[in-house]
Amino acid sequence: MALKKRKIQGIWSSRWTFLAAATGLVVSLGNFWRTPQELGHNGGGVFLVIYLACVLFIMLPIAVAEVRIAVRARGNPIHAVDQLAHYAKASKHWSLVTQIATITALLLAANGAVVSSWLLAYIEKMATGMMDGASLNAVAAEFTNLIADPDLMRFWQRVFIAMVVLLSAMNVVRGMAGLLRVLLPVLLLVLFGIVYYSYALGDFSSAVKWMFTLRMDDLTWRGGFSALQHAFYTLSIGTGALMAYGAYFPSGRSITRQLFALVVIDTGVLILAGLAILALVFDQHIVPGRGPALLFISLPFSFGNLVFGDIAGTAFFLLLSILSLTTIVALMEPLVAYLVERWAFWRPMAALTAGSLILICGDLAISSLAPGSELRWHARSLMEWVDILSANILLPLSAWCFVLFAAWRVPKIVYGVRDGWFESVFFWLWQALLRYIAPPAILLVLVVGLYLRVTA
């Protein structure tokens, strides 16, 4: 018997609201601290071409399936898959896929909230001029001291989660929709301002050369796989978050066009962020770090040694904090929507429940970062093990299972294909990509990605 909804949350009146919300989901820290560096280290423009091909021909078809299924069911991911499995007379156990995705999203949100506590701490550090004129070793020591101070991390983590809960608790149609429409253009304006600052004061030409020059000799099989892996993560496939927002997508609008626009925006932000960050770092004649080392050591050092660096640095970390806020809210939405629609929770209470779970998991992750913590195994912290479990196992596993369901079990009528030769050909191509290209690609992300991660 199919699950029944006990409450309906509404539909957004504008497709731009969905685009703003989805942008808040997919434009994340990976656009700033991971993909631009991988691009430069693995052939520049060659990596970018492979990355875009993977996004357009593998990940975009999956995203279209997620949103179309959500629009058809008009419910949270667990409800949507359960309803369509019942409609298609398929196994009721298919809903386990989105249940796993919902848990995965919460684990990712818990780790993301910890990193967001670092971002908030660095807003204060940049605004008070703590990095002005500091040496590279002093900046590195500042980050090390932050990681070694669990009380400070917990304070900023609680501040961040409180903001997440407040935003998530808003009414989907009247509150969240209006705020998201305002946030997106503001964030883009801040990003353009930071790019102009980098252009004026940084080594912009070196950044352009490093990111876009076609260097075939620098591309290895690992570089090609990295492009596939980053393409997989960029649209948050497998978390159920895009499906959760898809349930509010307005009727009569083109889902494919909106998701293509989302890819364009995400790629544009990735390129602008990479140019801005690398121009500043190259100007200081230091090797750009990767991941946290780039954001919390290389960049603060660069800002601290430039004119008006305190202002630009504060704006930069504020930008990242807001982007992280919208991402975590989106990752919470599958569980929040499920509690509201299936169990008739008051939405603020559902948001508080999800936020509390993130807080508990995040607290354990913070405890594991301390040297000598009992929550460390095989030289890895609990936070890193949770990241391996969620990002390298559960996420590609749930995405792979969902692709099989969407490609082979969901009837054609669910996708709303119109009559006409063009629509039929387009659907045939889309279904072929979904059936024969996406599954082996996602399986590759799961198997090879896990192997590379645990052997690193």
Protein backbone atom coordinates (compact mmCIF):
# COMPACT_ATOMS: atom_id res chain seq x y z
CA MET A 1 0.00 0.00 0.00
CA ALA A 2 1.35 3.41 -0.97
CA LEU A 3 2.19 6.01 1.67
CA LYS A 4 -0.35 8.81 2.02
CA LYS A 5 0.32 12.51 2.49
CA ARG A 6 -1.43 14.17 5.40
CA LYS A 7 -0.48 17.73 4.50
CA ILE A 8 0.24 19.69 1.30
CA GLN A 9 2.84 22.49 1.38
CA GLY A 10 2.03 24.30 -1.87
CA ILE A 11 3.63 25.15 -5.21
CA TRP A 12 5.92 28.07 -6.02
CA SER A 13 4.29 30.64 -8.28
CA SER A 14 7.42 31.34 -10.30
CA ARG A 15 10.01 29.13 -11.95
CA TRP A 16 12.63 31.66 -10.85
CA THR A 17 11.99 30.68 -7.24
CA PHE A 18 12.91 27.09 -8.09
CA LEU A 19 15.98 28.28 -9.96
CA ALA A 20 17.06 30.41 -6.99
CA ALA A 21 16.49 27.56 -4.52
CA ALA A 22 18.27 25.01 -6.72
CA THR A 23 21.17 27.43 -7.20
CA GLY A 24 21.45 27.70 -3.44
CA LEU A 25 21.71 23.91 -3.37
CA VAL A 26 24.25 23.25 -6.12
CA VAL A 27 26.47 26.33 -5.73
CA SER A 28 28.38 25.13 -2.69
CA LEU A 29 31.87 25.16 -1.22
CA GLY A 30 32.99 22.67 -3.88
CA ASN A 31 32.75 25.49 -6.44
CA PHE A 32 35.35 27.41 -4.45
CA TRP A 33 37.75 25.00 -2.78
CA ARG A 34 37.75 21.90 -4.95
CA THR A 35 36.75 22.00 -8.64
CA PRO A 36 38.79 25.08 -9.75
CA GLN A 37 41.96 23.55 -8.29
CA GLU A 38 41.29 20.17 -9.90
CA LEU A 39 40.74 22.00 -13.17
CA GLY A 40 44.12 23.68 -12.98
CA HIS A 41 46.02 20.57 -11.87
CA ASN A 42 44.50 18.30 -14.53
CA GLY A 43 44.95 19.92 -17.90
CA GLY A 44 43.10 23.21 -17.52
CA GLY A 45 40.67 23.60 -20.40
CA VAL A 46 40.80 19.87 -21.19
CA PHE A 47 39.46 19.07 -17.73
CA LEU A 48 36.73 21.71 -18.17
CA VAL A 49 35.56 20.17 -21.45
CA ILE A 50 35.34 16.68 -19.90
CA TYR A 51 33.60 18.08 -16.82
CA LEU A 52 30.96 19.91 -18.89
CA ALA A 53 30.38 16.84 -21.07
CA CYS A 54 29.78 14.73 -17.96
CA VAL A 55 27.40 17.31 -16.50
CA LEU A 56 25.36 17.73 -19.69
CA PHE A 57 25.17 14.12 -20.89
CA ILE A 58 25.19 12.15 -17.63
CA MET A 59 24.15 14.26 -14.64
CA LEU A 60 21.63 16.60 -16.29
CA PRO A 61 19.42 13.71 -17.52
CA ILE A 62 19.38 12.33 -13.96
CA ALA A 63 18.44 15.72 -12.55
CA VAL A 64 15.61 16.02 -15.09
CA ALA A 65 14.30 12.61 -13.99
CA GLU A 66 14.44 13.64 -10.33
CA VAL A 67 12.45 16.82 -10.86
CA ARG A 68 9.93 15.28 -13.28
CA ILE A 69 9.15 12.51 -10.80
CA ALA A 70 8.81 15.04 -7.98
CA VAL A 71 6.48 17.24 -10.06
CA ARG A 72 4.34 14.25 -10.94
CA ALA A 73 4.01 13.08 -7.32
CA ARG A 74 3.93 16.57 -5.72
CA GLY A 75 5.52 15.26 -2.56
CA ASN A 76 8.76 14.66 -0.69
CA PRO A 77 11.26 12.23 -2.27
CA ILE A 78 10.19 9.25 -0.13
CA HIS A 79 6.52 9.81 -0.97
CA ALA A 80 7.28 10.46 -4.66
CA VAL A 81 9.18 7.23 -5.29
CA ASP A 82 6.73 5.21 -3.20
CA GLN A 83 3.75 6.58 -5.13
CA LEU A 84 5.30 5.97 -8.53
CA ALA A 85 6.45 2.48 -7.58
CA HIS A 86 2.84 1.72 -6.57
CA TYR A 87 1.56 3.28 -9.82
CA ALA A 88 4.03 1.23 -11.92
CA LYS A 89 3.25 -1.94 -9.92
CA ALA A 90 6.92 -2.15 -8.96
CA SER A 91 8.35 -3.27 -5.63
CA LYS A 92 7.46 -1.08 -2.66
CA HIS A 93 11.08 -1.35 -1.55
CA TRP A 94 12.14 1.22 -4.14
CA SER A 95 11.29 3.89 -1.56
CA LEU A 96 14.31 2.65 0.41
CA VAL A 97 16.42 4.45 -2.18
CA THR A 98 15.12 7.88 -1.19
CA GLN A 99 15.14 6.94 2.49
CA ILE A 100 18.88 6.28 2.15
CA ALA A 101 19.23 9.54 0.21
CA THR A 102 17.50 11.45 3.01
CA ILE A 103 19.87 10.00 5.62
CA THR A 104 22.83 10.75 3.35
CA ALA A 105 21.74 14.36 2.99
CA LEU A 106 21.61 14.73 6.78
CA LEU A 107 25.12 13.29 7.19
CA LEU A 108 26.45 15.67 4.55
CA ALA A 109 24.62 18.55 6.25
CA ALA A 110 26.18 17.65 9.62
CA ASN A 111 29.71 17.80 8.21
CA GLY A 112 28.80 20.91 6.24
CA ALA A 113 27.63 22.64 9.41
CA VAL A 114 31.04 22.01 11.01
CA VAL A 115 32.84 23.58 8.03
CA SER A 116 30.34 26.45 8.16
CA SER A 117 31.37 27.10 11.76
CA TRP A 118 34.87 27.74 10.43
CA LEU A 119 33.47 30.17 7.86
CA LEU A 120 31.63 32.17 10.52
CA ALA A 121 34.73 32.25 12.70
CA TYR A 122 36.73 33.62 9.78
CA ILE A 123 34.22 36.41 9.17
CA GLU A 124 35.15 37.69 12.62
CA LYS A 125 38.87 37.14 12.03
CA MET A 126 38.83 39.06 8.73
CA ALA A 127 36.59 41.86 10.01
CA THR A 128 38.80 42.51 13.05
CA GLY A 129 42.00 42.61 11.00
CA MET A 130 43.59 39.54 12.59
CA MET A 131 45.11 38.52 9.24
CA ASP A 132 46.53 41.95 8.31
CA GLY A 133 50.20 41.55 7.43
CA ALA A 134 50.34 38.06 8.94
CA SER A 135 52.92 35.57 7.67
CA LEU A 136 51.86 32.32 6.02
CA ASN A 137 52.96 30.36 9.08
CA ALA A 138 50.94 32.64 11.37
CA VAL A 139 47.82 32.21 9.23
CA ALA A 140 48.28 28.42 9.21
CA ALA A 141 48.69 28.46 13.00
CA GLU A 142 45.44 30.44 13.33
CA PHE A 143 43.53 27.72 11.50
CA THR A 144 45.24 24.99 13.53
CA ASN A 145 44.22 26.79 16.73
CA LEU A 146 40.62 26.95 15.55
CA ILE A 147 40.51 23.20 14.87
CA ALA A 148 42.00 22.58 18.33
CA ASP A 149 39.28 24.68 20.03
CA PRO A 150 36.08 22.57 20.10
CA ASP A 151 34.21 25.07 22.27
CA LEU A 152 34.68 27.86 19.73
CA MET A 153 33.66 25.57 16.86
CA ARG A 154 30.56 24.45 18.75
CA PHE A 155 29.58 28.07 19.41
CA TRP A 156 29.70 29.01 15.73
CA GLN A 157 28.13 25.68 14.75
CA ARG A 158 25.12 26.44 16.96
CA VAL A 159 24.83 29.96 15.54
CA PHE A 160 24.87 28.51 12.03
CA ILE A 161 22.35 25.73 12.74
CA ALA A 162 20.03 28.26 14.39
CA MET A 163 20.02 30.27 11.14
CA VAL A 164 19.44 27.08 9.13
CA VAL A 165 16.45 26.11 11.28
CA LEU A 166 14.95 29.62 11.05
CA LEU A 167 15.17 29.60 7.24
CA SER A 168 13.93 26.03 6.91
CA ALA A 169 11.00 26.74 9.26
CA MET A 170 9.57 29.38 6.93
CA ASN A 171 6.44 28.71 4.94
CA VAL A 172 7.49 27.20 1.60
CA VAL A 173 5.33 29.49 -0.57
CA ARG A 174 5.25 32.78 1.32
CA GLY A 175 8.47 32.85 3.36
CA MET A 176 11.22 30.73 1.85
CA ALA A 177 10.29 31.59 -1.74
CA GLY A 178 10.59 35.35 -1.29
CA LEU A 179 13.84 35.14 0.66
CA LEU A 180 15.52 32.86 -1.88
CA ARG A 181 14.57 35.18 -4.75
CA VAL A 182 16.31 38.03 -2.94
CA LEU A 183 19.39 36.09 -1.84
CA LEU A 184 20.46 34.85 -5.29
CA PRO A 185 20.99 38.24 -6.99
CA VAL A 186 22.64 39.65 -3.83
CA LEU A 187 25.10 36.75 -3.71
CA LEU A 188 25.92 37.12 -7.40
CA LEU A 189 26.58 40.85 -6.93
CA VAL A 190 28.95 40.11 -4.04
CA LEU A 191 30.74 37.50 -6.18
CA PHE A 192 31.14 39.98 -9.07
CA GLY A 193 32.56 42.50 -6.61
CA ILE A 194 35.14 40.00 -5.36
CA VAL A 195 36.06 39.07 -8.94
CA TYR A 196 36.61 42.77 -9.76
CA TYR A 197 38.76 43.13 -6.64
CA SER A 198 40.86 40.15 -7.75
CA TYR A 199 41.12 41.54 -11.28
CA ALA A 200 42.34 44.89 -9.97
CA LEU A 201 44.81 43.64 -7.36
CA GLY A 202 45.55 39.99 -8.17
CA ASP A 203 47.47 38.13 -10.86
CA PHE A 204 44.43 37.59 -13.07
CA SER A 205 46.33 36.61 -16.22
CA SER A 206 48.08 33.73 -14.43
CA ALA A 207 44.75 32.49 -13.10
CA VAL A 208 43.23 32.55 -16.59
CA LYS A 209 46.22 30.72 -18.04
CA TRP A 210 46.23 28.08 -15.29
CA MET A 211 42.51 27.35 -15.58
CA PHE A 212 41.88 27.50 -19.33
CA THR A 213 45.05 26.62 -21.23
CA LEU A 214 44.63 23.25 -22.96
CA ARG A 215 47.33 21.02 -21.47
CA MET A 216 46.78 17.47 -22.67
CA ASP A 217 50.04 16.26 -21.13
CA ASP A 218 48.75 17.14 -17.64
CA LEU A 219 45.61 15.03 -17.97
CA THR A 220 45.86 11.51 -16.55
CA TRP A 221 43.17 8.88 -16.10
CA ARG A 222 42.75 10.15 -12.56
CA GLY A 223 42.17 13.63 -13.93
CA GLY A 224 39.48 12.35 -16.27
CA PHE A 225 37.84 10.44 -13.43
CA SER A 226 38.05 13.54 -11.23
CA ALA A 227 36.08 15.47 -13.86
CA LEU A 228 33.36 12.79 -13.79
CA GLN A 229 33.34 12.75 -9.98
CA HIS A 230 33.06 16.53 -9.68
CA ALA A 231 30.28 16.56 -12.27
CA PHE A 232 28.42 14.01 -10.13
CA TYR A 233 28.70 16.09 -6.98
CA THR A 234 27.87 19.42 -8.62
CA LEU A 235 24.09 18.82 -9.00
CA SER A 236 23.71 17.07 -5.63
CA ILE A 237 22.48 13.92 -7.35
CA GLY A 238 21.50 11.25 -4.84
CA THR A 239 20.63 13.51 -1.89
CA GLY A 240 16.94 13.90 -2.72
CA ALA A 241 17.27 17.68 -2.23
CA LEU A 242 16.60 18.51 -5.87
CA MET A 243 13.55 16.24 -5.77
CA ALA A 244 12.32 17.96 -2.62
CA TYR A 245 12.47 21.35 -4.33
CA GLY A 246 11.08 19.85 -7.53
CA ALA A 247 7.83 19.07 -5.69
CA TYR A 248 7.23 22.84 -5.49
CA PHE A 249 8.05 23.45 -9.17
CA PRO A 250 5.23 25.42 -10.90
CA SER A 251 3.12 23.58 -13.47
CA GLY A 252 3.38 24.35 -17.17
CA ARG A 253 7.06 25.34 -17.11
CA SER A 254 9.96 23.63 -18.89
CA ILE A 255 11.92 21.58 -16.36
CA THR A 256 14.75 20.88 -18.81
CA ARG A 257 15.28 24.57 -19.57
CA GLN A 258 15.36 25.47 -15.88
CA LEU A 259 17.87 22.76 -15.07
CA PHE A 260 20.02 23.76 -18.05
CA ALA A 261 19.98 27.33 -16.72
CA LEU A 262 21.01 25.90 -13.35
CA VAL A 263 24.02 24.20 -14.97
CA VAL A 264 24.98 27.46 -16.69
CA ILE A 265 24.80 29.42 -13.42
CA ASP A 266 26.71 26.78 -11.48
CA THR A 267 29.45 26.59 -14.11
CA GLY A 268 29.65 30.39 -14.30
CA VAL A 269 30.06 30.64 -10.51
CA LEU A 270 32.69 27.90 -10.58
CA ILE A 271 34.74 29.76 -13.20
CA LEU A 272 34.37 33.18 -11.55
CA ALA A 273 35.20 31.77 -8.12
CA GLY A 274 38.25 29.97 -9.47
CA LEU A 275 39.55 33.07 -11.22
CA ALA A 276 38.99 35.28 -8.16
CA ILE A 277 40.63 32.89 -5.70
CA LEU A 278 43.59 31.87 -7.84
CA ALA A 279 44.35 35.44 -8.94
CA LEU A 280 44.70 36.50 -5.30
CA VAL A 281 46.79 33.47 -4.34
CA PHE A 282 49.10 33.70 -7.37
CA ASP A 283 49.67 37.39 -6.64
CA GLN A 284 51.31 36.37 -3.34
CA HIS A 285 53.56 33.86 -5.15
CA ILE A 286 52.42 30.89 -3.08
CA VAL A 287 51.21 27.49 -4.21
CA PRO A 288 47.42 27.31 -3.84
CA GLY A 289 46.36 24.70 -1.31
CA ARG A 290 43.49 22.28 -1.79
CA GLY A 291 40.26 22.09 0.14
CA PRO A 292 40.38 23.69 3.61
CA ALA A 293 44.03 24.69 3.15
CA LEU A 294 43.03 26.93 0.24
CA LEU A 295 40.07 28.62 1.96
CA PHE A 296 41.47 28.97 5.45
CA ILE A 297 45.22 29.41 4.88
CA SER A 298 46.10 30.52 1.33
CA LEU A 299 43.23 32.97 0.90
CA PRO A 300 43.34 34.66 4.35
CA PHE A 301 47.10 35.15 3.84
CA SER A 302 46.41 36.76 0.45
CA PHE A 303 43.68 39.03 1.81
CA GLY A 304 45.86 40.00 4.76
CA ASN A 305 48.58 41.27 2.45
CA LEU A 306 46.43 43.31 0.06
CA VAL A 307 44.85 46.77 0.22
CA PHE A 308 41.34 46.62 1.70
CA GLY A 309 41.90 42.91 2.22
CA ASP A 310 39.97 42.96 5.49
CA ILE A 311 36.86 44.26 3.73
CA ALA A 312 37.18 41.91 0.74
CA GLY A 313 37.96 38.95 3.00
CA THR A 314 34.98 39.63 5.22
CA ALA A 315 32.70 39.86 2.16
CA PHE A 316 34.16 36.65 0.76
CA PHE A 317 33.61 34.57 3.90
CA LEU A 318 30.14 36.10 4.32
CA LEU A 319 29.35 35.01 0.75
CA LEU A 320 30.52 31.46 1.46
CA SER A 321 28.57 31.35 4.73
CA ILE A 322 25.31 32.31 3.00
CA LEU A 323 25.92 29.81 0.20
CA SER A 324 26.58 27.12 2.80
CA LEU A 325 23.40 28.16 4.61
CA THR A 326 21.24 27.68 1.52
CA THR A 327 22.95 24.36 0.76
CA ILE A 328 22.34 22.95 4.25
CA VAL A 329 18.71 24.13 4.18
CA ALA A 330 18.26 22.27 0.89
CA LEU A 331 19.88 19.11 2.27
CA MET A 332 17.47 19.24 5.23
CA GLU A 333 14.42 19.69 3.03
CA PRO A 334 13.84 15.97 2.18
CA LEU A 335 13.47 15.11 5.88
CA VAL A 336 11.59 18.30 6.78
CA ALA A 337 9.13 17.81 3.91
CA TYR A 338 8.66 14.14 4.87
CA LEU A 339 7.86 15.00 8.48
CA VAL A 340 5.44 17.74 7.43
CA GLU A 341 3.66 15.81 4.69
CA ARG A 342 3.65 12.28 6.07
CA TRP A 343 3.34 12.88 9.81
CA ALA A 344 1.68 16.32 9.81
CA PHE A 345 4.48 17.99 11.76
CA TRP A 346 4.27 21.74 12.22
CA ARG A 347 6.99 22.94 9.82
CA PRO A 348 9.04 24.81 12.48
CA MET A 349 9.02 21.64 14.60
CA ALA A 350 10.13 19.54 11.62
CA ALA A 351 12.97 21.99 10.93
CA LEU A 352 13.97 21.91 14.61
CA THR A 353 13.98 18.08 14.57
CA ALA A 354 16.22 17.95 11.49
CA GLY A 355 18.46 20.68 12.90
CA SER A 356 18.82 18.79 16.18
CA LEU A 357 19.96 15.66 14.36
CA ILE A 358 22.53 17.70 12.44
CA LEU A 359 23.68 19.29 15.69
CA ILE A 360 24.21 15.92 17.40
CA CYS A 361 26.15 14.46 14.47
CA GLY A 362 28.16 17.66 14.12
CA ASP A 363 29.07 17.66 17.81
CA LEU A 364 30.53 14.18 17.45
CA ALA A 365 32.43 15.28 14.34
CA ILE A 366 33.91 18.27 16.20
CA SER A 367 34.98 16.02 19.09
CA SER A 368 36.79 13.74 16.65
CA LEU A 369 38.98 16.58 15.32
CA ALA A 370 40.88 16.95 18.58
CA PRO A 371 44.30 15.24 18.65
CA GLY A 372 44.13 11.99 20.61
CA SER A 373 40.34 11.81 20.38
CA GLU A 374 38.76 8.41 20.95
CA LEU A 375 36.65 9.11 17.86
CA ARG A 376 39.60 8.56 15.54
CA TRP A 377 40.36 5.27 13.79
CA HIS A 378 43.20 4.43 11.42
CA ALA A 379 44.47 8.02 11.49
CA ARG A 380 41.09 9.38 10.36
CA SER A 381 38.61 11.40 12.38
CA LEU A 382 34.95 10.46 12.71
CA MET A 383 34.18 13.48 10.54
CA GLU A 384 36.31 12.04 7.74
CA TRP A 385 34.79 8.57 8.11
CA VAL A 386 31.30 10.06 7.93
CA ASP A 387 32.34 11.94 4.79
CA ILE A 388 33.61 8.69 3.24
CA LEU A 389 30.39 6.90 4.18
CA SER A 390 28.08 9.63 2.89
CA ALA A 391 29.94 11.12 -0.08
CA ASN A 392 31.76 8.04 -1.38
CA ILE A 393 29.35 5.20 -0.56
CA LEU A 394 25.75 6.18 0.20
CA LEU A 395 25.51 9.11 -2.21
CA PRO A 396 26.59 7.30 -5.41
CA LEU A 397 24.78 4.14 -4.25
CA SER A 398 21.44 5.93 -3.81
CA ALA A 399 21.99 7.81 -7.10
CA TRP A 400 22.71 4.55 -8.95
CA CYS A 401 19.60 2.85 -7.56
CA PHE A 402 17.47 5.89 -8.38
CA VAL A 403 18.72 5.91 -11.97
CA LEU A 404 17.74 2.26 -12.37
CA PHE A 405 14.28 3.04 -11.00
CA ALA A 406 13.78 6.16 -13.12
CA ALA A 407 15.10 4.58 -16.32
CA TRP A 408 13.54 1.11 -16.16
CA ARG A 409 10.55 1.17 -13.81
CA VAL A 410 8.87 4.56 -14.28
CA PRO A 411 6.37 4.56 -17.21
CA LYS A 412 6.79 7.03 -20.05
CA ILE A 413 3.49 8.74 -19.23
CA VAL A 414 4.88 9.91 -15.88
CA TYR A 415 7.43 12.11 -17.64
CA GLY A 416 4.70 13.96 -19.53
CA VAL A 417 6.08 13.47 -23.04
CA ARG A 418 4.07 15.45 -25.59
CA ASP A 419 3.05 14.17 -29.01
CA GLY A 420 5.29 15.17 -31.89
CA TRP A 421 8.40 13.90 -33.57
CA PHE A 422 10.77 16.35 -31.87
CA GLU A 423 9.53 15.53 -28.37
CA SER A 424 9.67 11.80 -29.15
CA VAL A 425 13.26 11.98 -30.43
CA PHE A 426 14.32 14.10 -27.46
CA PHE A 427 12.73 11.66 -25.03
CA TRP A 428 14.41 8.71 -26.78
CA LEU A 429 17.83 10.36 -26.49
CA TRP A 430 17.23 11.35 -22.86
CA GLN A 431 16.05 7.84 -21.94
CA ALA A 432 19.03 6.26 -23.71
CA LEU A 433 21.43 8.41 -21.68
CA LEU A 434 19.54 7.56 -18.51
CA ARG A 435 19.48 3.82 -19.20
CA TYR A 436 22.83 3.06 -20.78
CA ILE A 437 25.27 5.87 -19.95
CA ALA A 438 24.34 7.09 -16.48
CA PRO A 439 24.31 3.73 -14.57
CA PRO A 440 27.87 2.63 -15.46
CA ALA A 441 29.13 6.19 -14.92
CA ILE A 442 27.62 6.38 -11.41
CA LEU A 443 28.90 2.88 -10.63
CA LEU A 444 32.37 4.07 -11.64
CA VAL A 445 32.04 7.00 -9.23
CA LEU A 446 31.10 4.57 -6.47
CA VAL A 447 33.80 1.91 -7.00
CA VAL A 448 36.78 3.94 -8.21
CA GLY A 449 35.98 6.92 -6.01
CA LEU A 450 35.81 4.76 -2.88
CA TYR A 451 39.06 2.99 -3.78
CA LEU A 452 40.93 6.23 -4.35
CA ARG A 453 39.56 7.75 -1.15
CA VAL A 454 40.43 4.90 1.22
CA THR A 455 43.88 4.35 -0.30
CA ALA A 456 44.83 8.04 -0.30
